[in-house]
Amino acid sequence: MARLADPPVSRGDVQDAGPARQPKAPLRFRLREPITGLLFVLPMLALFVVFRFVPAFGAVGMSFTDYKISGEYDFIGVDNYARLLDDPVFAVSLKATLVYAAVYVPFTVLVALGTALLLNSVVWGRGLFRGMLFMPYVTSFVFAGLIWRFVYEIDGLINGLLGRADLGPVDFLGDTSLVLPSLAAVSAWKGFGYSMLILVAGLKAIPRSYLEAALVDGANAWQRFRLVVLPLLRPALFFVLVIETIGAFQVFDTIYVMTGGGPVRASYTLVYALFDQGFRFFDFGYAATIGVVLFAIVLIVSLIQRLFLDREPT
């Protein structure tokens, strides 16, 4: 019996069949690329573990001991934490840190956001202005502290200008109600440049078509910022808030140079208390306890910030 010929296949049927599936490469070739990338990252990861994780876990363990400079220690359980709750100096340092952070973080973020918006609207000389505004960030904390201490002194620059206006001198670093805002202003001047660059990058990532569409719909400048820019800027804004919050709770250099924790411990922050306990009284166990509590506070504040930023805009 004669074999029937196969029906002709049209060109469209061949195209509909799609390209032939490529055979999978052997497993060793598929794993080569991620392993190669891991080898490049491994040295930095090892340094991060050695200089970050190991000291952090060591500090947690040390907080349950009475570790002294001699290297001898005994396990004392939660005695250091109980001592912390009854320590009036810790309460003073916690209050000073919270007040400093409450002034520094909003002020720095607002200044960084404002300058980022201005830079984003500048057409000519944007790189020049960006470099000038970023310059304080790369200066030394010690150098900046010495310069601003001269500016704040009774016979310094600001009081000299106030004297020309027949206004009385202001003791910025000697008044307990002014010292923390004065220090926060110095730190904001020093550190807002980094946050500004992060926010500028976030603004650059916003498609211009969104703003043009809002403009066509009749949105004014404030509505475009609130309804378009701000929601799309949230990831960068959250990063800036976390970084600035961590910096506020870790402040030490500026205070050490300008006030030494004074007057009457008005600027005696948690890190300054940690420094005193560890390197003045050599009570490393108690200093580690302060460090652990400081880490917990920063973590809680960062989580609260994340919850607020994750809320849908109304």
Protein backbone atom coordinates (compact mmCIF):
# COMPACT_ATOMS: atom_id res chain seq x y z
CA MET A 1 0.00 0.00 0.00
CA ALA A 2 1.42 3.32 -0.97
CA ARG A 3 2.42 5.66 1.90
CA LEU A 4 0.46 8.88 1.99
CA ALA A 5 2.59 12.02 1.71
CA ASP A 6 2.75 14.37 4.69
CA PRO A 7 0.58 17.48 4.34
CA PRO A 8 2.50 20.60 3.33
CA VAL A 9 3.56 22.87 6.15
CA SER A 10 2.91 26.56 5.68
CA ARG A 11 5.43 29.25 6.56
CA GLY A 12 3.12 30.61 9.23
CA ASP A 13 2.99 27.24 10.96
CA VAL A 14 6.77 27.17 11.11
CA GLN A 15 6.86 30.64 12.66
CA ASP A 16 4.17 29.72 15.17
CA ALA A 17 6.20 26.79 16.35
CA GLY A 18 8.71 29.23 17.81
CA PRO A 19 12.47 28.85 18.15
CA ALA A 20 13.87 25.55 19.21
CA ARG A 21 14.63 25.28 22.94
CA GLN A 22 18.31 25.58 23.63
CA PRO A 23 19.82 22.76 25.68
CA LYS A 24 20.78 23.71 29.21
CA ALA A 25 24.44 24.22 29.94
CA PRO A 26 26.08 21.84 32.38
CA LEU A 27 25.67 22.73 36.04
CA ARG A 28 29.34 23.61 36.50
CA PHE A 29 29.10 26.28 33.80
CA ARG A 30 25.89 27.74 35.26
CA LEU A 31 27.51 28.02 38.68
CA ARG A 32 30.75 29.54 37.39
CA GLU A 33 29.43 33.12 37.10
CA PRO A 34 27.94 33.45 40.64
CA ILE A 35 30.98 31.75 42.15
CA THR A 36 33.29 34.16 40.31
CA GLY A 37 31.30 37.11 41.63
CA LEU A 38 31.40 35.67 45.14
CA LEU A 39 35.18 35.38 44.97
CA PHE A 40 35.45 39.10 44.19
CA VAL A 41 33.14 40.00 47.09
CA LEU A 42 34.62 37.52 49.58
CA PRO A 43 37.64 39.62 50.74
CA MET A 44 35.49 42.64 51.56
CA LEU A 45 32.85 40.40 53.13
CA ALA A 46 35.51 38.79 55.31
CA LEU A 47 36.76 42.20 56.45
CA PHE A 48 33.18 43.26 57.20
CA VAL A 49 32.59 40.16 59.32
CA VAL A 50 35.91 40.49 61.17
CA PHE A 51 35.63 44.21 61.91
CA ARG A 52 31.84 44.52 62.29
CA PHE A 53 30.11 41.32 63.31
CA VAL A 54 32.81 39.88 65.56
CA PRO A 55 33.18 43.09 67.65
CA ALA A 56 29.39 43.47 67.79
CA PHE A 57 28.84 39.97 69.15
CA GLY A 58 31.85 40.43 71.42
CA ALA A 59 30.31 43.59 72.86
CA VAL A 60 27.04 41.77 73.55
CA GLY A 61 28.92 39.05 75.41
CA MET A 62 31.06 41.58 77.26
CA SER A 63 27.94 43.40 78.49
CA PHE A 64 27.19 40.39 80.71
CA THR A 65 30.60 40.56 82.41
CA ASP A 66 32.63 42.94 84.57
CA TYR A 67 35.47 43.03 82.03
CA LYS A 68 38.37 45.23 83.16
CA ILE A 69 41.51 46.52 81.47
CA SER A 70 43.55 43.70 83.02
CA GLY A 71 41.62 41.18 80.91
CA GLU A 72 40.09 39.45 83.92
CA TYR A 73 36.33 39.19 84.11
CA ASP A 74 33.48 37.34 85.75
CA PHE A 75 30.05 36.59 84.38
CA ILE A 76 27.56 38.83 86.20
CA GLY A 77 24.39 38.26 84.16
CA VAL A 78 22.19 41.31 83.71
CA ASP A 79 23.75 43.32 86.52
CA ASN A 80 25.12 45.90 84.08
CA TYR A 81 21.66 46.43 82.60
CA ALA A 82 20.14 46.80 86.07
CA ARG A 83 22.85 49.31 86.91
CA LEU A 84 22.01 51.17 83.71
CA LEU A 85 18.41 51.67 84.79
CA ASP A 86 19.48 53.19 88.11
CA ASP A 87 22.30 55.34 86.70
CA PRO A 88 21.36 59.05 86.67
CA VAL A 89 24.30 59.82 84.36
CA PHE A 90 22.90 57.39 81.77
CA ALA A 91 19.52 59.12 82.01
CA VAL A 92 21.20 62.48 81.40
CA SER A 93 23.14 61.15 78.41
CA LEU A 94 20.04 59.49 76.93
CA LYS A 95 18.07 62.74 77.21
CA ALA A 96 20.90 64.74 75.62
CA THR A 97 21.15 62.24 72.75
CA LEU A 98 17.41 62.26 72.07
CA VAL A 99 17.24 66.06 72.12
CA TYR A 100 20.25 66.31 69.82
CA ALA A 101 18.76 63.77 67.39
CA ALA A 102 15.36 65.50 67.47
CA VAL A 103 17.03 68.75 66.37
CA TYR A 104 19.69 67.38 64.04
CA VAL A 105 17.81 64.80 61.95
CA PRO A 106 14.82 66.89 60.77
CA PHE A 107 16.97 69.97 60.22
CA THR A 108 19.60 68.09 58.21
CA VAL A 109 17.08 66.19 56.09
CA LEU A 110 15.10 69.35 55.31
CA VAL A 111 18.26 71.27 54.36
CA ALA A 112 19.46 68.35 52.21
CA LEU A 113 16.06 68.03 50.52
CA GLY A 114 15.80 71.77 49.89
CA THR A 115 19.28 72.01 48.36
CA ALA A 116 18.63 68.87 46.29
CA LEU A 117 15.46 70.41 44.85
CA LEU A 118 17.31 73.64 44.08
CA LEU A 119 20.19 71.78 42.42
CA ASN A 120 17.74 69.74 40.39
CA SER A 121 16.23 72.95 38.99
CA VAL A 122 19.58 74.62 38.23
CA VAL A 123 20.56 74.51 34.57
CA TRP A 124 24.00 76.16 34.58
CA GLY A 125 26.81 75.42 37.05
CA ARG A 126 25.09 72.47 38.69
CA GLY A 127 28.32 70.53 39.17
CA LEU A 128 30.09 73.55 40.63
CA PHE A 129 27.36 74.21 43.20
CA ARG A 130 27.16 70.52 44.06
CA GLY A 131 30.89 70.39 44.72
CA MET A 132 30.81 73.53 46.87
CA LEU A 133 27.90 72.24 48.97
CA PHE A 134 29.51 68.83 49.38
CA MET A 135 32.88 70.25 50.45
CA PRO A 136 32.10 70.52 54.21
CA TYR A 137 31.35 66.78 54.28
CA VAL A 138 34.95 65.88 53.44
CA THR A 139 36.49 68.17 56.05
CA SER A 140 37.78 66.78 59.32
CA PHE A 141 35.41 66.76 62.30
CA VAL A 142 38.21 68.14 64.46
CA PHE A 143 38.98 70.95 62.03
CA ALA A 144 35.29 71.83 61.66
CA GLY A 145 34.82 71.75 65.44
CA LEU A 146 37.74 74.09 66.05
CA ILE A 147 36.54 76.56 63.43
CA TRP A 148 32.98 76.60 64.73
CA ARG A 149 34.12 76.88 68.33
CA PHE A 150 35.82 80.12 67.38
CA VAL A 151 32.64 81.24 65.58
CA TYR A 152 30.47 80.49 68.64
CA GLU A 153 32.73 81.99 71.33
CA ILE A 154 31.75 85.08 73.29
CA ASP A 155 34.31 87.12 71.37
CA GLY A 156 33.81 85.12 68.18
CA LEU A 157 32.41 85.94 64.78
CA ILE A 158 28.68 85.65 65.50
CA ASN A 159 28.81 87.69 68.69
CA GLY A 160 30.96 90.25 66.92
CA LEU A 161 28.19 90.70 64.34
CA LEU A 162 25.57 90.83 67.10
CA GLY A 163 27.61 93.52 68.87
CA ARG A 164 27.58 95.66 65.73
CA ALA A 165 23.79 95.42 65.81
CA ASP A 166 23.73 96.48 69.49
CA LEU A 167 22.60 93.02 70.58
CA GLY A 168 23.97 91.34 73.66
CA PRO A 169 26.45 88.46 73.36
CA VAL A 170 25.03 84.93 73.29
CA ASP A 171 26.90 82.09 74.98
CA PHE A 172 26.09 79.39 72.44
CA LEU A 173 28.34 76.72 74.00
CA GLY A 174 27.93 77.76 77.64
CA ASP A 175 24.14 77.96 77.80
CA THR A 176 22.56 74.59 78.60
CA SER A 177 19.51 75.41 76.48
CA LEU A 178 21.52 76.45 73.41
CA VAL A 179 24.47 74.06 73.34
CA LEU A 180 22.70 71.09 71.72
CA PRO A 181 21.01 73.13 68.92
CA SER A 182 24.34 74.87 68.31
CA LEU A 183 26.17 71.54 68.02
CA ALA A 184 23.41 70.13 65.82
CA ALA A 185 23.80 73.10 63.47
CA VAL A 186 27.52 72.41 63.14
CA SER A 187 26.94 68.72 62.43
CA ALA A 188 24.22 69.58 59.91
CA TRP A 189 26.56 71.99 58.11
CA LYS A 190 29.19 69.26 58.07
CA GLY A 191 27.03 66.32 57.02
CA PHE A 192 24.11 67.46 54.87
CA GLY A 193 26.15 67.23 51.65
CA TYR A 194 26.08 63.44 51.57
CA SER A 195 22.31 63.29 52.04
CA MET A 196 21.93 65.98 49.42
CA LEU A 197 23.72 63.83 46.82
CA ILE A 198 21.54 60.82 47.65
CA LEU A 199 18.38 62.90 47.22
CA VAL A 200 19.67 64.46 43.99
CA ALA A 201 20.17 60.95 42.60
CA GLY A 202 16.63 60.06 43.70
CA LEU A 203 15.22 63.13 41.96
CA LYS A 204 17.09 62.28 38.77
CA ALA A 205 15.45 58.84 38.76
CA ILE A 206 11.93 60.33 38.63
CA PRO A 207 10.64 60.25 35.02
CA ARG A 208 10.07 63.76 33.73
CA SER A 209 6.92 62.59 31.96
CA TYR A 210 5.20 62.15 35.34
CA LEU A 211 5.78 65.78 36.24
CA GLU A 212 4.70 66.94 32.79
CA ALA A 213 1.49 64.91 33.05
CA ALA A 214 0.75 66.44 36.47
CA LEU A 215 1.39 69.90 35.04
CA VAL A 216 -1.04 69.24 32.19
CA ASP A 217 -3.64 68.13 34.75
CA GLY A 218 -3.34 71.52 36.43
CA ALA A 219 -1.25 70.57 39.47
CA ASN A 220 0.68 73.44 41.03
CA ALA A 221 4.27 73.18 42.29
CA TRP A 222 3.29 72.03 45.79
CA GLN A 223 0.88 69.39 44.43
CA ARG A 224 3.52 68.07 42.03
CA PHE A 225 5.97 67.77 44.91
CA ARG A 226 3.50 66.17 47.33
CA LEU A 227 1.73 63.82 44.93
CA VAL A 228 4.50 62.93 42.46
CA VAL A 229 7.98 63.73 43.75
CA LEU A 230 7.64 62.79 47.41
CA PRO A 231 6.11 59.30 46.91
CA LEU A 232 8.75 58.39 44.31
CA LEU A 233 11.50 59.80 46.53
CA ARG A 234 10.57 57.64 49.52
CA PRO A 235 13.32 54.99 49.12
CA ALA A 236 16.05 57.65 48.98
CA LEU A 237 14.39 59.60 51.78
CA PHE A 238 14.20 56.52 54.00
CA PHE A 239 17.90 55.81 53.40
CA VAL A 240 18.79 59.39 54.29
CA LEU A 241 16.66 59.31 57.45
CA VAL A 242 18.27 56.08 58.65
CA ILE A 243 21.81 57.28 57.91
CA GLU A 244 21.27 60.64 59.61
CA THR A 245 19.58 59.00 62.62
CA ILE A 246 22.50 56.64 63.09
CA GLY A 247 24.88 59.58 62.77
CA ALA A 248 22.92 61.59 65.33
CA PHE A 249 23.03 58.81 67.92
CA GLN A 250 26.74 58.22 67.27
CA VAL A 251 27.85 61.85 67.55
CA PHE A 252 31.10 62.23 69.44
CA ASP A 253 33.85 64.10 67.57
CA THR A 254 32.14 67.47 67.43
CA ILE A 255 31.12 67.35 71.09
CA TYR A 256 34.55 66.17 72.22
CA VAL A 257 36.27 69.07 70.42
CA MET A 258 33.78 71.85 71.14
CA THR A 259 32.30 71.23 74.61
CA GLY A 260 33.78 68.10 76.17
CA GLY A 261 30.27 67.06 77.20
CA GLY A 262 29.50 70.30 79.01
CA PRO A 263 28.28 72.59 80.30
CA VAL A 264 27.18 70.52 83.31
CA ARG A 265 26.74 67.50 81.02
CA ALA A 266 24.19 69.28 78.84
CA SER A 267 25.90 67.78 75.77
CA TYR A 268 26.92 64.52 77.44
CA THR A 269 25.59 62.06 74.85
CA LEU A 270 25.45 58.25 74.96
CA VAL A 271 28.63 57.79 72.94
CA TYR A 272 30.43 60.25 75.20
CA ALA A 273 29.24 58.26 78.23
CA LEU A 274 30.45 55.07 76.53
CA PHE A 275 33.83 56.71 75.91
CA ASP A 276 34.13 57.80 79.53
CA GLN A 277 33.22 54.39 80.93
CA GLY A 278 35.56 52.55 78.60
CA PHE A 279 38.60 54.81 78.33
CA ARG A 280 38.42 56.94 81.46
CA PHE A 281 37.12 54.51 84.08
CA PHE A 282 38.15 51.35 82.16
CA ASP A 283 34.83 49.67 82.91
CA PHE A 284 34.55 47.89 79.58
CA GLY A 285 31.63 45.68 80.60
CA TYR A 286 29.45 48.67 81.46
CA ALA A 287 30.62 50.54 78.35
CA ALA A 288 29.61 47.54 76.21
CA THR A 289 26.19 47.61 77.88
CA ILE A 290 25.72 51.24 76.85
CA GLY A 291 26.72 50.29 73.30
CA VAL A 292 24.18 47.46 73.15
CA VAL A 293 21.39 49.72 74.41
CA LEU A 294 22.41 52.39 71.90
CA PHE A 295 22.18 49.85 69.07
CA ALA A 296 18.72 48.78 70.25
CA ILE A 297 17.50 52.39 70.35
CA VAL A 298 18.77 53.12 66.83
CA LEU A 299 17.15 49.92 65.53
CA ILE A 300 13.78 50.77 67.09
CA VAL A 301 13.84 54.35 65.79
CA SER A 302 14.75 53.13 62.29
CA LEU A 303 11.86 50.64 62.30
CA ILE A 304 9.44 53.36 63.38
CA GLN A 305 10.68 55.58 60.55
CA ARG A 306 10.16 52.72 58.11
CA LEU A 307 6.57 52.21 59.30
CA PHE A 308 5.75 55.88 58.79
CA LEU A 309 7.33 55.98 55.33
CA ASP A 310 5.52 52.80 54.26
CA ARG A 311 2.13 54.38 54.93
CA GLU A 312 0.17 55.22 51.80
CA PRO A 313 -0.12 58.97 51.13
CA THR A 314 -3.57 60.41 51.66
